[in-house]
Amino acid sequence: MEDDVDIFTTLPREQAVILLETLRADYAEQFNAYWHEKRFNAVPAHLRHDSLIATFPMMAVQKRLIGALSFSLGRRC
């Protein structure tokens, strides 16, 4: 896709770990808040996560960044 953006950066490991922890905490907070919203109650639990990701683009971005940072740090997501 021609509108894609590639981001390349170098961070000290300590900063990368802090960023990863911050992203995870924010993602978890949003996930928990949205999971119980009335509009998602009709979505089966096994499909709800994907529904949240599709509805909230910021969560999709966070998920990708968490994956990239985890990979770069040699950790599992």
Protein backbone atom coordinates (compact mmCIF):
# COMPACT_ATOMS: atom_id res chain seq x y z
CA MET A 1 0.00 0.00 0.00
CA GLU A 2 1.51 3.32 -1.01
CA ASP A 3 0.20 5.15 2.07
CA ASP A 4 2.12 2.88 4.45
CA VAL A 5 4.72 4.49 6.66
CA ASP A 6 7.92 2.75 7.70
CA ILE A 7 9.45 3.87 10.96
CA PHE A 8 13.06 3.14 11.82
CA THR A 9 14.59 4.19 15.11
CA THR A 10 17.28 3.26 17.53
CA LEU A 11 16.56 3.46 21.23
CA PRO A 12 18.64 2.62 24.24
CA ARG A 13 17.36 -0.69 25.63
CA GLU A 14 16.16 1.00 28.82
CA GLN A 15 13.99 3.44 26.85
CA ALA A 16 12.63 0.66 24.65
CA VAL A 17 11.63 -1.33 27.74
CA ILE A 18 9.93 1.72 29.25
CA LEU A 19 8.07 2.40 26.00
CA LEU A 20 6.97 -1.24 25.79
CA GLU A 21 5.72 -1.23 29.37
CA THR A 22 3.85 2.04 28.79
CA LEU A 23 2.23 0.78 25.60
CA ARG A 24 1.19 -2.47 27.29
CA ALA A 25 -0.32 -0.66 30.27
CA ASP A 26 -2.25 1.75 28.05
CA TYR A 27 -3.41 -1.08 25.77
CA ALA A 28 -4.60 -3.13 28.74
CA GLU A 29 -6.47 -0.16 30.18
CA GLN A 30 -8.26 0.51 26.90
CA PHE A 31 -8.95 -3.18 26.34
CA ASN A 32 -10.54 -3.57 29.76
CA ALA A 33 -12.59 -0.40 29.38
CA TYR A 34 -13.94 -1.24 25.93
CA TRP A 35 -14.40 -4.98 26.56
CA HIS A 36 -17.34 -4.31 28.87
CA GLU A 37 -19.00 -1.57 26.83
CA LYS A 38 -22.62 -2.26 26.08
CA ARG A 39 -22.10 -2.12 22.31
CA PHE A 40 -19.71 -5.09 22.45
CA ASN A 41 -21.84 -7.30 24.69
CA ALA A 42 -23.45 -8.99 21.67
CA VAL A 43 -20.04 -9.86 20.19
CA PRO A 44 -18.96 -13.38 21.22
CA ALA A 45 -15.94 -13.32 23.55
CA HIS A 46 -13.72 -15.16 21.06
CA LEU A 47 -14.38 -12.43 18.44
CA ARG A 48 -14.47 -9.40 20.71
CA HIS A 49 -10.74 -8.64 20.65
CA ASP A 50 -10.67 -8.44 16.85
CA SER A 51 -13.80 -6.30 16.97
CA LEU A 52 -12.10 -3.88 19.36
CA ILE A 53 -9.03 -3.69 17.14
CA ALA A 54 -11.22 -2.99 14.09
CA THR A 55 -13.22 -0.33 15.92
CA PHE A 56 -10.34 1.48 17.61
CA PRO A 57 -7.43 2.09 15.22
CA MET A 58 -5.20 3.33 18.06
CA MET A 59 -5.39 -0.10 19.66
CA ALA A 60 -4.30 -1.68 16.38
CA VAL A 61 -1.31 0.67 16.25
CA GLN A 62 -0.41 -0.07 19.85
CA LYS A 63 -0.64 -3.80 19.21
CA ARG A 64 1.75 -3.55 16.26
CA LEU A 65 4.21 -1.41 18.21
CA ILE A 66 4.06 -3.80 21.16
CA GLY A 67 4.83 -6.67 18.81
CA ALA A 68 7.71 -4.83 17.14
CA LEU A 69 9.26 -3.75 20.43
CA SER A 70 8.82 -7.20 21.96
CA PHE A 71 10.51 -8.78 18.95
CA SER A 72 13.35 -6.26 19.02
CA LEU A 73 13.88 -6.82 22.72
CA GLY A 74 13.78 -10.58 22.28
CA ARG A 75 10.63 -11.00 24.32
CA ARG A 76 7.40 -12.76 23.66
CA CYS A 77 4.32 -10.52 23.23
